[in-house]
């Protein structure tokens, strides 16, 4: 048992040493001084609230693309909403070897919180776009409770949509079953088509005398046998009698 504990302790020490070594491999940039980065972010946030985006939009709208116009309109709306900075609540640093981002949670004059983020290049200066604009973001602050509530609402809506689709599919399948039952019932009620009645044998014409016809046939047969010299009428058959006049 003691040997197992020693092995587990040794493995933990090796793991910690590897983590420290891994952290030390990340190159350090001396251009990123947290106090200086925070100071520049504070000044940039104050300048953002003091900027007259409405005037700039009115003067240079024809020279702006659609994305820039929407961006300025968003800034104007957020300025009206938050009104100004009351105090800084928290500052968060994200520092890499070639870039850094400072995010500040600010309590505004309207009582709401916002997040102002500013990005820095490897030389410690504020990052700029190809047009020379500073790279920053102004976002709405959401607490953990608000984030969880939004996630829960999205989950409930997704589950509701899934259940509605399943219910629709079940109703569709039940309709198919009902259609089959109705069709089977209709086939049973109609039944197979009744066979056409066989035609009745035609009755002999009224007034026709079958006895006279038989006597006439016998006379004709005897006459044919006599004329042909036959001793018997076997093999002679009278198939039809045609009366003229």
C-alpha atoms as a PDB file:
ATOM      1  CA  UNK A   1       0.000   0.000   0.000  1.00  0.00           C
ATOM      2  CA  UNK A   2       2.835   2.408   0.860  1.00  0.00           C
ATOM      3  CA  UNK A   3       4.520   1.617  -2.440  1.00  0.00           C
ATOM      4  CA  UNK A   4       1.331   2.567  -4.332  1.00  0.00           C
ATOM      5  CA  UNK A   5       1.126   5.878  -2.475  1.00  0.00           C
ATOM      6  CA  UNK A   6       4.754   6.655  -3.270  1.00  0.00           C
ATOM      7  CA  UNK A   7       4.235   5.870  -6.949  1.00  0.00           C
ATOM      8  CA  UNK A   8       1.131   8.081  -7.074  1.00  0.00           C
ATOM      9  CA  UNK A   9       3.043  10.931  -5.379  1.00  0.00           C
ATOM     10  CA  UNK A  10       5.938  10.540  -7.808  1.00  0.00           C
ATOM     11  CA  UNK A  11       3.605  10.653 -10.805  1.00  0.00           C
ATOM     12  CA  UNK A  12       1.950  13.805  -9.445  1.00  0.00           C
ATOM     13  CA  UNK A  13       5.337  15.488  -9.023  1.00  0.00           C
ATOM     14  CA  UNK A  14       6.351  14.554 -12.574  1.00  0.00           C
ATOM     15  CA  UNK A  15       3.027  15.887 -13.919  1.00  0.00           C
ATOM     16  CA  UNK A  16       3.465  19.186 -12.060  1.00  0.00           C
ATOM     17  CA  UNK A  17       7.030  19.518 -13.328  1.00  0.00           C
ATOM     18  CA  UNK A  18       5.843  18.997 -16.908  1.00  0.00           C
ATOM     19  CA  UNK A  19       3.141  21.642 -16.482  1.00  0.00           C
ATOM     20  CA  UNK A  20       5.665  24.168 -15.157  1.00  0.00           C
ATOM     21  CA  UNK A  21       8.044  23.329 -17.999  1.00  0.00           C
ATOM     22  CA  UNK A  22       5.240  23.736 -20.520  1.00  0.00           C
ATOM     23  CA  UNK A  23       4.314  27.125 -19.120  1.00  0.00           C
ATOM     24  CA  UNK A  24       7.917  28.267 -19.255  1.00  0.00           C
ATOM     25  CA  UNK A  25       8.074  27.386 -22.956  1.00  0.00           C
ATOM     26  CA  UNK A  26       5.553  30.138 -23.772  1.00  0.00           C
ATOM     27  CA  UNK A  27       7.606  33.120 -24.999  1.00  0.00           C
ATOM     28  CA  UNK A  28       7.291  36.260 -22.907  1.00  0.00           C
ATOM     29  CA  UNK A  29       6.782  39.657 -24.540  1.00  0.00           C
ATOM     30  CA  UNK A  30       8.302  42.493 -22.520  1.00  0.00           C
ATOM     31  CA  UNK A  31       6.265  45.015 -24.511  1.00  0.00           C
ATOM     32  CA  UNK A  32       3.138  43.983 -22.603  1.00  0.00           C
ATOM     33  CA  UNK A  33       3.071  45.803 -19.300  1.00  0.00           C
ATOM     34  CA  UNK A  34      -0.289  45.236 -17.607  1.00  0.00           C
ATOM     35  CA  UNK A  35      -0.413  48.666 -15.998  1.00  0.00           C
ATOM     36  CA  UNK A  36       0.340  50.364 -19.296  1.00  0.00           C
ATOM     37  CA  UNK A  37      -2.194  48.206 -21.165  1.00  0.00           C
ATOM     38  CA  UNK A  38      -4.861  48.946 -18.572  1.00  0.00           C
ATOM     39  CA  UNK A  39      -4.105  52.662 -18.658  1.00  0.00           C
ATOM     40  CA  UNK A  40      -4.468  52.784 -22.445  1.00  0.00           C
ATOM     41  CA  UNK A  41      -7.719  50.821 -22.237  1.00  0.00           C
ATOM     42  CA  UNK A  42      -9.137  53.258 -19.656  1.00  0.00           C
ATOM     43  CA  UNK A  43      -8.285  56.211 -21.881  1.00  0.00           C
ATOM     44  CA  UNK A  44      -9.738  54.502 -24.935  1.00  0.00           C
ATOM     45  CA  UNK A  45     -13.022  53.764 -23.148  1.00  0.00           C
ATOM     46  CA  UNK A  46     -13.332  57.420 -22.073  1.00  0.00           C
ATOM     47  CA  UNK A  47     -12.564  58.540 -25.635  1.00  0.00           C
ATOM     48  CA  UNK A  48     -15.189  56.190 -27.020  1.00  0.00           C
ATOM     49  CA  UNK A  49     -17.929  57.736 -24.886  1.00  0.00           C
ATOM     50  CA  UNK A  50     -16.723  61.252 -25.786  1.00  0.00           C
ATOM     51  CA  UNK A  51     -16.617  60.564 -29.536  1.00  0.00           C
ATOM     52  CA  UNK A  52     -19.325  62.131 -31.710  1.00  0.00           C
ATOM     53  CA  UNK A  53     -20.208  59.187 -33.946  1.00  0.00           C
ATOM     54  CA  UNK A  54     -23.415  60.832 -35.153  1.00  0.00           C
ATOM     55  CA  UNK A  55     -21.569  63.798 -36.686  1.00  0.00           C
ATOM     56  CA  UNK A  56     -18.978  61.538 -38.287  1.00  0.00           C
ATOM     57  CA  UNK A  57     -21.722  59.382 -39.759  1.00  0.00           C
ATOM     58  CA  UNK A  58     -23.592  62.380 -41.154  1.00  0.00           C
ATOM     59  CA  UNK A  59     -20.462  63.843 -42.760  1.00  0.00           C
ATOM     60  CA  UNK A  60     -18.855  60.710 -44.182  1.00  0.00           C
ATOM     61  CA  UNK A  61     -21.812  58.392 -44.828  1.00  0.00           C
ATOM     62  CA  UNK A  62     -21.252  58.544 -48.604  1.00  0.00           C
ATOM     63  CA  UNK A  63     -17.653  57.378 -48.154  1.00  0.00           C
ATOM     64  CA  UNK A  64     -18.510  54.475 -45.806  1.00  0.00           C
ATOM     65  CA  UNK A  65     -19.466  50.955 -46.772  1.00  0.00           C
ATOM     66  CA  UNK A  66     -22.564  49.266 -45.393  1.00  0.00           C
ATOM     67  CA  UNK A  67     -20.705  47.439 -42.610  1.00  0.00           C
ATOM     68  CA  UNK A  68     -19.085  50.648 -41.338  1.00  0.00           C
ATOM     69  CA  UNK A  69     -22.435  52.448 -41.368  1.00  0.00           C
ATOM     70  CA  UNK A  70     -24.048  49.688 -39.319  1.00  0.00           C
ATOM     71  CA  UNK A  71     -21.072  49.750 -36.927  1.00  0.00           C
ATOM     72  CA  UNK A  72     -21.415  53.501 -36.342  1.00  0.00           C
ATOM     73  CA  UNK A  73     -25.164  53.211 -35.875  1.00  0.00           C
ATOM     74  CA  UNK A  74     -24.520  50.552 -33.242  1.00  0.00           C
ATOM     75  CA  UNK A  75     -22.067  52.816 -31.434  1.00  0.00           C
ATOM     76  CA  UNK A  76     -24.585  55.653 -31.401  1.00  0.00           C
ATOM     77  CA  UNK A  77     -27.278  53.394 -29.947  1.00  0.00           C
ATOM     78  CA  UNK A  78     -24.948  52.080 -27.236  1.00  0.00           C
ATOM     79  CA  UNK A  79     -23.784  55.581 -26.299  1.00  0.00           C
ATOM     80  CA  UNK A  80     -27.389  56.629 -25.770  1.00  0.00           C
ATOM     81  CA  UNK A  81     -28.091  53.492 -23.772  1.00  0.00           C
ATOM     82  CA  UNK A  82     -25.098  53.457 -21.392  1.00  0.00           C
ATOM     83  CA  UNK A  83     -24.656  57.299 -21.251  1.00  0.00           C
ATOM     84  CA  UNK A  84     -21.239  57.237 -19.573  1.00  0.00           C
ATOM     85  CA  UNK A  85     -18.804  55.453 -17.239  1.00  0.00           C
ATOM     86  CA  UNK A  86     -19.523  55.509 -13.517  1.00  0.00           C
ATOM     87  CA  UNK A  87     -16.721  53.200 -12.388  1.00  0.00           C
ATOM     88  CA  UNK A  88     -14.604  50.256 -13.450  1.00  0.00           C
ATOM     89  CA  UNK A  89     -15.616  46.918 -11.927  1.00  0.00           C
ATOM     90  CA  UNK A  90     -13.052  44.401 -13.206  1.00  0.00           C
ATOM     91  CA  UNK A  91     -10.142  44.113 -15.647  1.00  0.00           C
ATOM     92  CA  UNK A  92      -9.118  40.897 -17.427  1.00  0.00           C
ATOM     93  CA  UNK A  93      -5.889  40.366 -19.419  1.00  0.00           C
ATOM     94  CA  UNK A  94      -5.372  37.872 -22.229  1.00  0.00           C
ATOM     95  CA  UNK A  95      -1.702  37.997 -23.191  1.00  0.00           C
ATOM     96  CA  UNK A  96       0.073  35.953 -25.867  1.00  0.00           C
ATOM     97  CA  UNK A  97       3.510  36.271 -27.415  1.00  0.00           C
ATOM     98  CA  UNK A  98       2.309  38.381 -30.334  1.00  0.00           C
ATOM     99  CA  UNK A  99      -0.914  39.995 -29.088  1.00  0.00           C
ATOM    100  CA  UNK A 100      -2.812  41.034 -26.001  1.00  0.00           C
ATOM    101  CA  UNK A 101      -6.404  41.898 -25.181  1.00  0.00           C
ATOM    102  CA  UNK A 102      -7.650  43.864 -22.190  1.00  0.00           C
ATOM    103  CA  UNK A 103     -11.328  43.527 -21.235  1.00  0.00           C
ATOM    104  CA  UNK A 104     -12.871  45.864 -18.685  1.00  0.00           C
ATOM    105  CA  UNK A 105     -16.277  45.477 -17.054  1.00  0.00           C
ATOM    106  CA  UNK A 106     -17.640  49.010 -16.603  1.00  0.00           C
ATOM    107  CA  UNK A 107     -20.599  50.151 -14.533  1.00  0.00           C
ATOM    108  CA  UNK A 108     -22.352  52.813 -16.595  1.00  0.00           C
ATOM    109  CA  UNK A 109     -24.446  55.857 -15.680  1.00  0.00           C
ATOM    110  CA  UNK A 110     -27.695  54.075 -16.577  1.00  0.00           C
ATOM    111  CA  UNK A 111     -27.005  51.390 -13.944  1.00  0.00           C
ATOM    112  CA  UNK A 112     -26.114  48.659 -16.463  1.00  0.00           C
ATOM    113  CA  UNK A 113     -22.757  47.031 -17.077  1.00  0.00           C
ATOM    114  CA  UNK A 114     -20.866  46.815 -20.332  1.00  0.00           C
ATOM    115  CA  UNK A 115     -17.610  45.202 -21.492  1.00  0.00           C
ATOM    116  CA  UNK A 116     -15.030  47.323 -23.289  1.00  0.00           C
ATOM    117  CA  UNK A 117     -12.224  45.297 -24.937  1.00  0.00           C
ATOM    118  CA  UNK A 118      -9.094  46.693 -26.570  1.00  0.00           C
ATOM    119  CA  UNK A 119      -6.546  44.687 -28.610  1.00  0.00           C
ATOM    120  CA  UNK A 120      -2.782  45.334 -28.696  1.00  0.00           C
ATOM    121  CA  UNK A 121      -0.133  44.310 -31.237  1.00  0.00           C
ATOM    122  CA  UNK A 122       3.194  42.626 -30.454  1.00  0.00           C
ATOM    123  CA  UNK A 123       4.960  45.989 -30.035  1.00  0.00           C
ATOM    124  CA  UNK A 124       2.549  47.039 -27.279  1.00  0.00           C
ATOM    125  CA  UNK A 125       0.640  49.534 -29.407  1.00  0.00           C
ATOM    126  CA  UNK A 126      -3.097  49.376 -30.048  1.00  0.00           C
ATOM    127  CA  UNK A 127      -3.967  47.170 -32.997  1.00  0.00           C
ATOM    128  CA  UNK A 128      -5.395  48.938 -36.044  1.00  0.00           C
ATOM    129  CA  UNK A 129      -7.239  47.784 -39.141  1.00  0.00           C
ATOM    130  CA  UNK A 130      -6.141  48.388 -42.734  1.00  0.00           C
ATOM    131  CA  UNK A 131      -8.000  51.706 -42.660  1.00  0.00           C
ATOM    132  CA  UNK A 132      -6.210  52.791 -39.472  1.00  0.00           C
ATOM    133  CA  UNK A 133      -9.153  52.265 -37.096  1.00  0.00           C
ATOM    134  CA  UNK A 134      -8.480  50.908 -33.618  1.00  0.00           C
ATOM    135  CA  UNK A 135      -9.522  47.337 -32.881  1.00  0.00           C
ATOM    136  CA  UNK A 136     -11.953  47.318 -29.946  1.00  0.00           C
ATOM    137  CA  UNK A 137     -15.317  45.864 -28.958  1.00  0.00           C
ATOM    138  CA  UNK A 138     -18.225  47.177 -26.938  1.00  0.00           C
ATOM    139  CA  UNK A 139     -20.434  44.343 -25.680  1.00  0.00           C
ATOM    140  CA  UNK A 140     -23.317  43.917 -23.300  1.00  0.00           C
ATOM    141  CA  UNK A 141     -22.334  42.422 -19.960  1.00  0.00           C
ATOM    142  CA  UNK A 142     -24.155  39.249 -18.995  1.00  0.00           C
ATOM    143  CA  UNK A 143     -23.881  37.693 -15.561  1.00  0.00           C
ATOM    144  CA  UNK A 144     -23.549  33.958 -15.024  1.00  0.00           C
ATOM    145  CA  UNK A 145     -27.231  33.784 -14.106  1.00  0.00           C
ATOM    146  CA  UNK A 146     -28.259  35.587 -17.293  1.00  0.00           C
ATOM    147  CA  UNK A 147     -26.047  33.336 -19.395  1.00  0.00           C
ATOM    148  CA  UNK A 148     -27.454  30.197 -17.770  1.00  0.00           C
ATOM    149  CA  UNK A 149     -31.007  31.489 -18.175  1.00  0.00           C
ATOM    150  CA  UNK A 150     -30.412  32.172 -21.862  1.00  0.00           C
ATOM    151  CA  UNK A 151     -28.871  28.729 -22.321  1.00  0.00           C
ATOM    152  CA  UNK A 152     -31.795  27.115 -20.492  1.00  0.00           C
ATOM    153  CA  UNK A 153     -34.294  29.008 -22.657  1.00  0.00           C
ATOM    154  CA  UNK A 154     -32.514  27.878 -25.819  1.00  0.00           C
ATOM    155  CA  UNK A 155     -32.540  24.289 -24.558  1.00  0.00           C
ATOM    156  CA  UNK A 156     -36.264  24.419 -23.782  1.00  0.00           C
ATOM    157  CA  UNK A 157     -37.063  25.889 -27.195  1.00  0.00           C
ATOM    158  CA  UNK A 158     -34.971  23.228 -28.948  1.00  0.00           C
ATOM    159  CA  UNK A 159     -36.694  20.431 -27.020  1.00  0.00           C
ATOM    160  CA  UNK A 160     -40.120  21.935 -27.743  1.00  0.00           C
ATOM    161  CA  UNK A 161     -39.357  22.037 -31.473  1.00  0.00           C
ATOM    162  CA  UNK A 162     -38.200  18.406 -31.409  1.00  0.00           C
ATOM    163  CA  UNK A 163     -41.357  17.277 -29.571  1.00  0.00           C
ATOM    164  CA  UNK A 164     -43.586  19.195 -31.993  1.00  0.00           C
ATOM    165  CA  UNK A 165     -41.904  17.499 -34.947  1.00  0.00           C
ATOM    166  CA  UNK A 166     -42.307  14.080 -33.307  1.00  0.00           C
ATOM    167  CA  UNK A 167     -45.997  14.733 -32.605  1.00  0.00           C
ATOM    168  CA  UNK A 168     -46.538  15.821 -36.223  1.00  0.00           C
ATOM    169  CA  UNK A 169     -44.849  12.646 -37.498  1.00  0.00           C
ATOM    170  CA  UNK A 170     -47.008  10.499 -35.168  1.00  0.00           C
ATOM    171  CA  UNK A 171     -50.187  12.182 -36.415  1.00  0.00           C
ATOM    172  CA  UNK A 172     -49.084  11.677 -40.006  1.00  0.00           C
ATOM    173  CA  UNK A 173     -48.483   7.966 -39.426  1.00  0.00           C
ATOM    174  CA  UNK A 174     -51.879   7.571 -37.711  1.00  0.00           C
ATOM    175  CA  UNK A 175     -53.533   9.244 -40.725  1.00  0.00           C
ATOM    176  CA  UNK A 176     -51.973   6.652 -43.021  1.00  0.00           C
ATOM    177  CA  UNK A 177     -53.437   3.873 -40.854  1.00  0.00           C
ATOM    178  CA  UNK A 178     -56.881   5.491 -40.930  1.00  0.00           C
ATOM    179  CA  UNK A 179     -56.750   5.815 -44.713  1.00  0.00           C
ATOM    180  CA  UNK A 180     -55.948   2.106 -45.052  1.00  0.00           C
ATOM    181  CA  UNK A 181     -58.894   1.171 -42.807  1.00  0.00           C
ATOM    182  CA  UNK A 182     -61.309   3.332 -44.803  1.00  0.00           C
ATOM    183  CA  UNK A 183     -60.087   1.817 -48.068  1.00  0.00           C
ATOM    184  CA  UNK A 184     -60.471  -1.750 -46.746  1.00  0.00           C
ATOM    185  CA  UNK A 185     -64.009  -0.975 -45.557  1.00  0.00           C
ATOM    186  CA  UNK A 186     -64.936   0.447 -48.961  1.00  0.00           C
ATOM    187  CA  UNK A 187     -63.610  -2.661 -50.732  1.00  0.00           C
ATOM    188  CA  UNK A 188     -65.617  -4.934 -48.393  1.00  0.00           C
ATOM    189  CA  UNK A 189     -68.862  -2.998 -48.948  1.00  0.00           C
ATOM    190  CA  UNK A 190     -68.555  -2.973 -52.735  1.00  0.00           C
ATOM    191  CA  UNK A 191     -67.654  -6.691 -53.094  1.00  0.00           C
ATOM    192  CA  UNK A 192     -66.586  -8.428 -56.305  1.00  0.00           C
ATOM    193  CA  UNK A 193     -68.482  -7.599 -59.458  1.00  0.00           C
ATOM    194  CA  UNK A 194     -71.336 -10.086 -60.076  1.00  0.00           C
ATOM    195  CA  UNK A 195     -70.935 -12.316 -63.099  1.00  0.00           C
ATOM    196  CA  UNK A 196     -73.098 -11.478 -66.051  1.00  0.00           C
ATOM    197  CA  UNK A 197     -76.050 -13.916 -66.434  1.00  0.00           C
ATOM    198  CA  UNK A 198     -75.688 -16.459 -69.180  1.00  0.00           C
ATOM    199  CA  UNK A 199     -77.895 -15.712 -72.160  1.00  0.00           C
ATOM    200  CA  UNK A 200     -81.069 -17.808 -72.232  1.00  0.00           C
ATOM    201  CA  UNK A 201     -81.434 -20.177 -75.160  1.00  0.00           C
ATOM    202  CA  UNK A 202     -83.512 -18.656 -77.877  1.00  0.00           C
ATOM    203  CA  UNK A 203     -87.018 -20.049 -78.096  1.00  0.00           C
ATOM    204  CA  UNK A 204     -88.241 -21.344 -81.408  1.00  0.00           C
ATOM    205  CA  UNK A 205     -90.118 -18.876 -83.525  1.00  0.00           C
ATOM    206  CA  UNK A 206     -93.847 -18.833 -83.041  1.00  0.00           C
ATOM    207  CA  UNK A 207     -95.818 -20.962 -85.467  1.00  0.00           C
ATOM    208  CA  UNK A 208     -92.792 -22.968 -86.606  1.00  0.00           C
ATOM    209  CA  UNK A 209     -93.713 -26.695 -87.105  1.00  0.00           C
ATOM    210  CA  UNK A 210     -90.734 -28.871 -86.228  1.00  0.00           C
ATOM    211  CA  UNK A 211     -92.612 -32.117 -87.203  1.00  0.00           C
ATOM    212  CA  UNK A 212     -93.070 -30.968 -90.824  1.00  0.00           C
ATOM    213  CA  UNK A 213     -89.378 -30.137 -91.079  1.00  0.00           C
ATOM    214  CA  UNK A 214     -88.389 -33.632 -89.917  1.00  0.00           C
ATOM    215  CA  UNK A 215     -90.693 -35.265 -92.517  1.00  0.00           C
ATOM    216  CA  UNK A 216     -89.263 -32.995 -95.195  1.00  0.00           C
ATOM    217  CA  UNK A 217     -85.708 -33.924 -94.225  1.00  0.00           C
ATOM    218  CA  UNK A 218     -86.547 -37.637 -94.416  1.00  0.00           C
ATOM    219  CA  UNK A 219     -88.088 -37.234 -97.919  1.00  0.00           C
ATOM    220  CA  UNK A 220     -85.080 -35.233 -99.156  1.00  0.00           C
ATOM    221  CA  UNK A 221     -82.650 -37.790 -97.770  1.00  0.00           C
ATOM    222  CA  UNK A 222     -84.503 -40.698 -99.404  1.00  0.00           C
ATOM    223  CA  UNK A 223     -84.594 -38.847-102.747  1.00  0.00           C
ATOM    224  CA  UNK A 224     -80.849 -38.188-102.626  1.00  0.00           C
ATOM    225  CA  UNK A 225     -80.148 -41.869-101.781  1.00  0.00           C
ATOM    226  CA  UNK A 226     -82.341 -43.072-104.681  1.00  0.00           C
ATOM    227  CA  UNK A 227     -80.754 -40.758-107.197  1.00  0.00           C
ATOM    228  CA  UNK A 228     -77.270 -41.740-106.140  1.00  0.00           C
ATOM    229  CA  UNK A 229     -78.033 -45.463-106.124  1.00  0.00           C
ATOM    230  CA  UNK A 230     -77.224 -45.818-102.448  1.00  0.00           C
ATOM    231  CA  UNK A 231     -78.866 -48.687-100.635  1.00  0.00           C
ATOM    232  CA  UNK A 232     -78.937 -46.821 -97.304  1.00  0.00           C
ATOM    233  CA  UNK A 233     -79.311 -43.211 -96.143  1.00  0.00           C
ATOM    234  CA  UNK A 234     -76.516 -43.580 -93.578  1.00  0.00           C
ATOM    235  CA  UNK A 235     -73.961 -40.833 -93.924  1.00  0.00           C
ATOM    236  CA  UNK A 236     -76.373 -38.397 -95.528  1.00  0.00           C
ATOM    237  CA  UNK A 237     -77.035 -35.265 -93.510  1.00  0.00           C
ATOM    238  CA  UNK A 238     -79.312 -32.371 -94.433  1.00  0.00           C
ATOM    239  CA  UNK A 239     -77.854 -29.264 -92.792  1.00  0.00           C
ATOM    240  CA  UNK A 240     -80.279 -26.576 -93.945  1.00  0.00           C
ATOM    241  CA  UNK A 241     -83.519 -26.134 -95.812  1.00  0.00           C
ATOM    242  CA  UNK A 242     -84.111 -22.983 -97.823  1.00  0.00           C
ATOM    243  CA  UNK A 243     -87.680 -22.257 -98.815  1.00  0.00           C
ATOM    244  CA  UNK A 244     -88.196 -20.092-101.889  1.00  0.00           C
ATOM    245  CA  UNK A 245     -91.257 -18.190-102.733  1.00  0.00           C
END
